[in-house]
N, C-alpha and C. Protein backbone atom coordinates (compact mmCIF):
# COMPACT_ATOMS: atom_id res chain seq x y z
N MET A 1 0.82 -0.51 -0.40
CA MET A 1 -0.45 -0.47 0.04
C MET A 1 0.94 0.79 0.04
N GLN A 2 1.13 1.94 -1.01
CA GLN A 2 1.73 3.20 -1.06
C GLN A 2 0.15 4.36 -0.47
N PHE A 3 0.87 5.81 0.41
CA PHE A 3 0.23 6.45 0.00
C PHE A 3 0.73 7.39 -0.08
N GLU A 4 0.22 8.17 -1.06
CA GLU A 4 1.11 9.60 -1.33
C GLU A 4 1.57 10.70 -0.84
N GLU A 5 0.61 10.95 0.18
CA GLU A 5 0.04 12.20 1.10
C GLU A 5 -0.52 11.82 2.55
N THR A 6 -0.20 11.72 2.64
CA THR A 6 -1.13 11.76 4.46
C THR A 6 -1.11 13.09 5.83
N LYS A 7 -1.69 13.42 5.63
CA LYS A 7 -2.98 14.29 6.77
C LYS A 7 -3.61 14.15 7.93
N ILE A 8 -2.63 13.93 9.23
CA ILE A 8 -3.79 13.32 10.54
C ILE A 8 -3.92 15.23 10.72
N GLN A 9 -5.44 15.19 10.86
CA GLN A 9 -5.61 16.67 11.78
C GLN A 9 -6.12 16.22 13.32
N SER A 10 -5.91 17.28 13.68
CA SER A 10 -6.51 17.22 15.91
C SER A 10 -7.59 18.81 15.58
N HIS A 11 -8.92 17.86 15.49
CA HIS A 11 -9.34 19.27 15.94
C HIS A 11 -9.29 19.80 16.96
N GLU A 12 -8.59 19.20 18.13
CA GLU A 12 -8.81 19.94 19.75
C GLU A 12 -7.44 21.04 19.30
N ALA A 13 -5.97 19.89 18.16
CA ALA A 13 -5.57 21.55 18.11
C ALA A 13 -4.93 22.55 17.95
N GLY A 14 -5.65 22.38 16.74
CA GLY A 14 -6.60 23.23 15.71
C GLY A 14 -5.40 23.21 15.02
N GLY A 15 -4.38 21.81 14.56
CA GLY A 15 -3.67 22.40 14.13
C GLY A 15 -3.39 21.07 12.58
N LEU A 16 -2.98 20.52 12.20
CA LEU A 16 -2.45 20.05 10.82
C LEU A 16 -1.46 19.74 10.89
N ALA A 17 -0.46 18.30 10.53
CA ALA A 17 0.52 17.79 10.30
C ALA A 17 -0.08 16.75 9.47
N THR A 18 1.37 17.19 8.50
CA THR A 18 1.20 16.29 7.19
C THR A 18 2.77 15.75 7.53
N SER A 19 2.68 14.28 6.72
CA SER A 19 3.75 13.86 6.89
C SER A 19 3.33 12.88 5.43
N SER A 20 4.41 12.26 4.84
CA SER A 20 4.08 10.98 3.51
C SER A 20 4.35 9.90 4.14
N ALA A 21 3.77 9.10 3.67
CA ALA A 21 4.49 7.75 3.95
C ALA A 21 4.56 6.20 2.92
N THR A 22 5.28 5.51 2.87
CA THR A 22 4.92 5.16 1.66
C THR A 22 5.76 3.13 2.24
N GLN A 23 5.60 2.39 1.23
CA GLN A 23 5.66 0.88 1.77
C GLN A 23 6.38 0.67 3.16
N GLU A 24 7.94 1.94 2.40
CA GLU A 24 7.93 1.15 3.92
C GLU A 24 7.80 1.85 5.04
N ARG A 25 6.84 3.44 5.19
CA ARG A 25 6.89 3.32 6.66
C ARG A 25 5.07 3.73 6.29
N PRO A 26 4.97 2.33 7.18
CA PRO A 26 2.96 2.55 6.59
C PRO A 26 2.57 3.63 8.39
N ILE A 27 1.12 3.92 7.49
CA ILE A 27 0.68 4.58 9.32
C ILE A 27 0.11 3.55 10.01
N GLN A 28 0.44 3.35 10.92
CA GLN A 28 -0.52 3.38 12.47
C GLN A 28 -0.91 3.37 13.40
N PHE A 29 -1.51 3.81 13.58
CA PHE A 29 -2.79 4.33 14.59
C PHE A 29 -3.19 3.46 15.95
N ASP A 30 -3.95 3.25 17.07
CA ASP A 30 -4.63 2.45 18.06
C ASP A 30 -5.77 3.29 18.74
N VAL A 31 -6.34 2.66 17.97
CA VAL A 31 -8.10 2.96 17.52
C VAL A 31 -8.98 3.20 19.13
N TRP A 32 -8.49 3.01 20.53
CA TRP A 32 -8.90 3.03 21.34
C TRP A 32 -7.59 4.27 22.18
N GLU A 33 -6.93 4.14 21.68
CA GLU A 33 -5.74 5.97 22.23
C GLU A 33 -6.87 6.83 21.77
N GLU A 34 -7.00 6.91 19.99
CA GLU A 34 -8.01 7.89 19.43
C GLU A 34 -9.35 8.32 20.17
N LEU A 35 -10.28 7.84 20.34
CA LEU A 35 -10.72 7.67 21.09
C LEU A 35 -10.98 8.38 22.18
N GLY A 36 -10.12 8.04 23.70
CA GLY A 36 -9.87 8.66 24.82
C GLY A 36 -10.13 10.56 24.57
N GLU A 37 -8.49 10.13 23.81
CA GLU A 37 -8.25 11.58 23.26
C GLU A 37 -9.87 12.12 22.84
N LEU A 38 -10.31 11.70 22.01
CA LEU A 38 -11.88 12.92 21.44
C LEU A 38 -12.23 13.07 22.27
N ARG A 39 -11.92 11.83 23.64
CA ARG A 39 -13.90 12.30 24.71
C ARG A 39 -12.73 13.53 25.91
N HIS A 40 -11.68 13.74 25.24
CA HIS A 40 -11.55 15.20 25.97
C HIS A 40 -11.08 16.25 25.65
N ASN A 41 -11.69 16.42 23.97
CA ASN A 41 -11.84 17.91 22.55
C ASN A 41 -12.87 18.29 23.40
N ALA A 42 -12.73 19.57 22.71
CA ALA A 42 -13.70 20.63 23.29
C ALA A 42 -15.28 20.22 22.58
N GLU A 43 -15.05 19.44 21.51
CA GLU A 43 -16.34 19.20 20.00
C GLU A 43 -16.61 18.11 21.60
N TRP A 44 -16.58 17.22 22.50
CA TRP A 44 -17.41 16.53 23.44
C TRP A 44 -18.55 17.13 23.56
N ARG A 45 -17.83 18.45 24.34
CA ARG A 45 -19.61 18.91 25.68
C ARG A 45 -20.25 18.53 24.58
N ASP A 46 -20.14 19.17 23.33
CA ASP A 46 -21.46 19.38 21.73
C ASP A 46 -22.17 18.01 21.25
N GLY A 47 -21.29 16.94 22.01
CA GLY A 47 -21.66 16.04 21.72
C GLY A 47 -21.65 14.18 20.65
N ILE A 48 -20.59 15.28 19.27
CA ILE A 48 -19.89 14.70 18.55
C ILE A 48 -18.55 15.58 18.90
N ALA A 49 -17.65 14.69 18.80
CA ALA A 49 -15.74 15.50 19.09
C ALA A 49 -15.43 14.70 17.42
N ARG A 50 -14.89 14.41 16.35
CA ARG A 50 -14.37 14.04 14.84
C ARG A 50 -13.04 14.64 14.85
N LYS A 51 -12.25 13.59 15.05
CA LYS A 51 -10.57 13.33 14.35
C LYS A 51 -10.60 12.82 12.87
N VAL A 52 -9.83 13.17 11.66
CA VAL A 52 -9.14 12.52 10.69
C VAL A 52 -7.88 12.31 11.12
N LEU A 53 -7.74 10.39 10.82
CA LEU A 53 -6.83 9.92 11.11
C LEU A 53 -6.17 9.92 10.45
N ILE A 54 -6.25 9.88 8.63
CA ILE A 54 -5.71 9.15 7.55
C ILE A 54 -6.63 10.27 6.58
N ARG A 55 -5.50 11.03 5.96
CA ARG A 55 -6.39 11.81 4.53
C ARG A 55 -5.67 11.59 3.80
N CYS A 56 -5.93 10.76 2.20
CA CYS A 56 -5.05 10.57 1.30
C CYS A 56 -5.54 10.54 -0.16
N PRO A 57 -5.53 10.76 -0.73
CA PRO A 57 -6.28 11.61 -2.36
C PRO A 57 -7.16 10.32 -2.41
N ASP A 58 -7.25 9.12 -2.04
CA ASP A 58 -8.05 8.18 -2.18
C ASP A 58 -8.64 7.21 -1.28
N LEU A 59 -8.06 8.09 -0.28
CA LEU A 59 -8.68 7.59 1.34
C LEU A 59 -9.12 8.44 2.11
N GLN A 60 -9.82 7.94 3.15
CA GLN A 60 -9.92 9.06 4.82
C GLN A 60 -10.71 8.16 5.27
N ILE A 61 -9.89 8.43 6.17
CA ILE A 61 -10.24 7.52 8.37
C ILE A 61 -10.65 8.75 9.06
N THR A 62 -12.05 8.33 9.33
CA THR A 62 -12.31 9.91 10.43
C THR A 62 -12.94 8.68 11.80
N LEU A 63 -13.00 9.24 12.66
CA LEU A 63 -13.00 8.58 14.41
C LEU A 63 -13.93 9.47 14.56
N ARG A 64 -15.43 9.04 14.93
CA ARG A 64 -16.57 10.67 15.72
C ARG A 64 -16.76 9.92 16.93
N ALA A 65 -16.47 10.54 18.04
CA ALA A 65 -16.77 9.48 19.00
C ALA A 65 -18.34 10.77 19.47
N MET A 66 -19.03 9.61 20.05
CA MET A 66 -20.69 10.29 19.69
C MET A 66 -21.58 10.13 21.37
N LYS A 67 -22.19 11.28 21.76
CA LYS A 67 -23.51 11.24 22.66
C LYS A 67 -23.93 10.16 22.19
N ALA A 68 -24.47 9.58 23.03
CA ALA A 68 -25.96 9.18 23.10
C ALA A 68 -26.81 10.07 21.85
N ASN A 69 -27.63 9.63 21.46
CA ASN A 69 -29.09 10.62 20.66
C ASN A 69 -28.79 11.87 19.68
N ALA A 70 -27.26 11.62 20.33
CA ALA A 70 -25.97 13.22 19.57
C ALA A 70 -26.62 12.85 17.60
N ARG A 71 -26.89 13.35 16.91
CA ARG A 71 -27.13 13.22 15.92
C ARG A 71 -25.68 14.00 14.59
N ILE A 72 -25.85 13.12 13.43
CA ILE A 72 -25.05 14.50 12.86
C ILE A 72 -26.22 14.38 11.14
N PRO A 73 -25.59 15.94 11.43
CA PRO A 73 -26.71 16.11 9.74
C PRO A 73 -26.55 15.79 8.41
N ARG A 74 -27.89 15.73 7.77
CA ARG A 74 -28.53 14.89 7.15
C ARG A 74 -26.85 15.82 5.77
N HIS A 75 -26.50 15.07 5.22
CA HIS A 75 -25.34 15.22 4.47
C HIS A 75 -25.09 14.18 3.52
N HIS A 76 -24.47 14.66 2.46
CA HIS A 76 -24.16 14.01 0.88
C HIS A 76 -22.29 13.44 1.14
N ASN A 77 -22.29 12.76 1.06
CA ASN A 77 -20.10 12.10 0.48
C ASN A 77 -20.04 11.69 -0.79
N PRO A 78 -19.52 12.44 -1.61
CA PRO A 78 -19.09 12.49 -2.87
C PRO A 78 -18.55 10.86 -3.01
N GLY A 79 -18.14 10.57 -2.20
CA GLY A 79 -16.66 9.38 -2.03
C GLY A 79 -18.12 7.72 -1.92
N ARG A 80 -17.27 6.62 -1.70
CA ARG A 80 -17.49 5.23 -1.02
C ARG A 80 -16.67 5.59 0.84
N ILE A 81 -18.32 5.29 1.42
CA ILE A 81 -17.08 5.28 2.23
C ILE A 81 -18.18 4.17 3.24
N CYS A 82 -17.39 3.47 4.56
CA CYS A 82 -17.57 2.93 5.14
C CYS A 82 -17.06 3.06 6.73
N VAL A 83 -18.80 2.82 7.49
CA VAL A 83 -18.97 3.09 8.49
C VAL A 83 -18.63 1.67 9.53
N GLN A 84 -18.19 1.45 10.49
CA GLN A 84 -18.34 0.86 11.37
C GLN A 84 -18.03 1.12 13.02
N THR A 85 -18.85 0.72 13.67
CA THR A 85 -18.82 0.90 15.27
C THR A 85 -18.63 0.08 16.21
N ILE A 86 -17.26 0.53 16.81
CA ILE A 86 -16.43 0.81 17.47
C ILE A 86 -17.19 -0.27 18.99
N GLN A 87 -18.34 1.32 19.67
CA GLN A 87 -18.63 1.68 20.91
C GLN A 87 -20.10 1.54 20.50
N GLY A 88 -20.88 0.92 20.69
CA GLY A 88 -22.25 1.77 21.32
C GLY A 88 -23.16 0.95 20.43
N HIS A 89 -23.70 1.88 19.30
CA HIS A 89 -24.87 1.58 18.74
C HIS A 89 -25.60 2.78 18.07
N ILE A 90 -25.64 2.32 16.49
CA ILE A 90 -25.49 3.41 16.01
C ILE A 90 -27.37 3.53 14.53
N ARG A 91 -27.97 3.06 14.52
CA ARG A 91 -29.05 3.95 13.85
C ARG A 91 -28.65 5.38 12.09
N MET A 92 -28.26 4.63 11.35
CA MET A 92 -28.19 5.76 10.34
C MET A 92 -28.75 5.56 9.24
N HIS A 93 -29.15 6.87 9.06
CA HIS A 93 -29.96 6.82 7.39
C HIS A 93 -29.33 7.04 6.62
N ALA A 94 -29.47 6.20 4.96
CA ALA A 94 -28.95 7.02 3.76
C ALA A 94 -30.10 5.83 2.61
N GLY A 95 -30.34 7.05 2.07
CA GLY A 95 -31.22 7.56 1.18
C GLY A 95 -31.68 7.06 1.56
N ASP A 96 -33.27 6.08 1.09
CA ASP A 96 -34.55 5.81 1.82
C ASP A 96 -34.26 4.09 3.26
N LYS A 97 -33.68 4.08 3.62
CA LYS A 97 -32.87 2.87 4.57
C LYS A 97 -33.02 3.23 5.55
N LEU A 98 -33.08 2.67 6.77
CA LEU A 98 -32.56 2.62 7.93
C LEU A 98 -31.14 1.24 7.86
N PHE A 99 -30.35 1.93 8.79
CA PHE A 99 -29.50 0.34 9.02
C PHE A 99 -29.26 0.92 10.27
N ASP A 100 -29.18 -0.75 11.32
CA ASP A 100 -29.39 -0.69 11.70
C ASP A 100 -27.80 -1.09 11.98
N LEU A 101 -27.38 -0.96 12.90
CA LEU A 101 -25.32 -1.18 13.47
C LEU A 101 -24.74 -1.12 14.79
N PRO A 102 -25.04 -2.25 15.42
CA PRO A 102 -24.47 -2.25 16.79
C PRO A 102 -22.85 -2.77 16.66
N GLN A 103 -22.21 -2.69 18.06
CA GLN A 103 -21.11 -2.60 18.33
C GLN A 103 -20.21 -3.66 17.64
N GLY A 104 -19.31 -3.37 16.24
CA GLY A 104 -18.96 -4.07 16.27
C GLY A 104 -18.96 -4.67 13.98
N ARG A 105 -20.36 -3.97 14.22
CA ARG A 105 -20.88 -3.65 12.56
C ARG A 105 -20.44 -3.14 12.04
N THR A 106 -19.89 -3.82 10.30
CA THR A 106 -19.66 -2.73 9.26
C THR A 106 -20.59 -2.38 8.53
N LEU A 107 -20.56 -1.02 8.12
CA LEU A 107 -21.25 -1.08 6.24
C LEU A 107 -21.15 -0.50 5.63
N VAL A 108 -20.62 -0.79 4.39
CA VAL A 108 -20.07 0.26 3.49
C VAL A 108 -21.02 0.32 2.11
N LEU A 109 -21.12 1.91 2.16
CA LEU A 109 -21.75 2.34 1.23
C LEU A 109 -21.27 3.22 -0.50
N ASP A 110 -21.61 2.78 -1.24
CA ASP A 110 -21.53 3.82 -2.51
C ASP A 110 -21.35 5.24 -2.94
N PRO A 111 -20.76 5.93 -2.92
CA PRO A 111 -20.76 7.63 -3.75
C PRO A 111 -22.44 7.86 -3.44
N GLY A 112 -22.49 9.00 -2.80
CA GLY A 112 -23.83 9.35 -2.98
C GLY A 112 -24.31 9.32 -1.71
């Protein structure tokens, strides 16, 4: 796997770190550690905190921590998405369908 450019963004710090990763330098992160940090983020008080863990031309991984009953406003995503529930339970509307995603469940949706 080769990444042209990777940006790791921290909303808490307000900064944007950029690094290049190649086959010789893969990117690693601990999801549980990142999740713990999100819960100390100022956005957490509002119910949803997020952090872009990886941003490349063909891949973005964003971690979101959401309090119970928090909602992400309706939006359109131009690319394919993958939603995985790490902890808790998500009910997600996409198009005219409702998806039930308990802990450990993953959903992949085509663009749009």
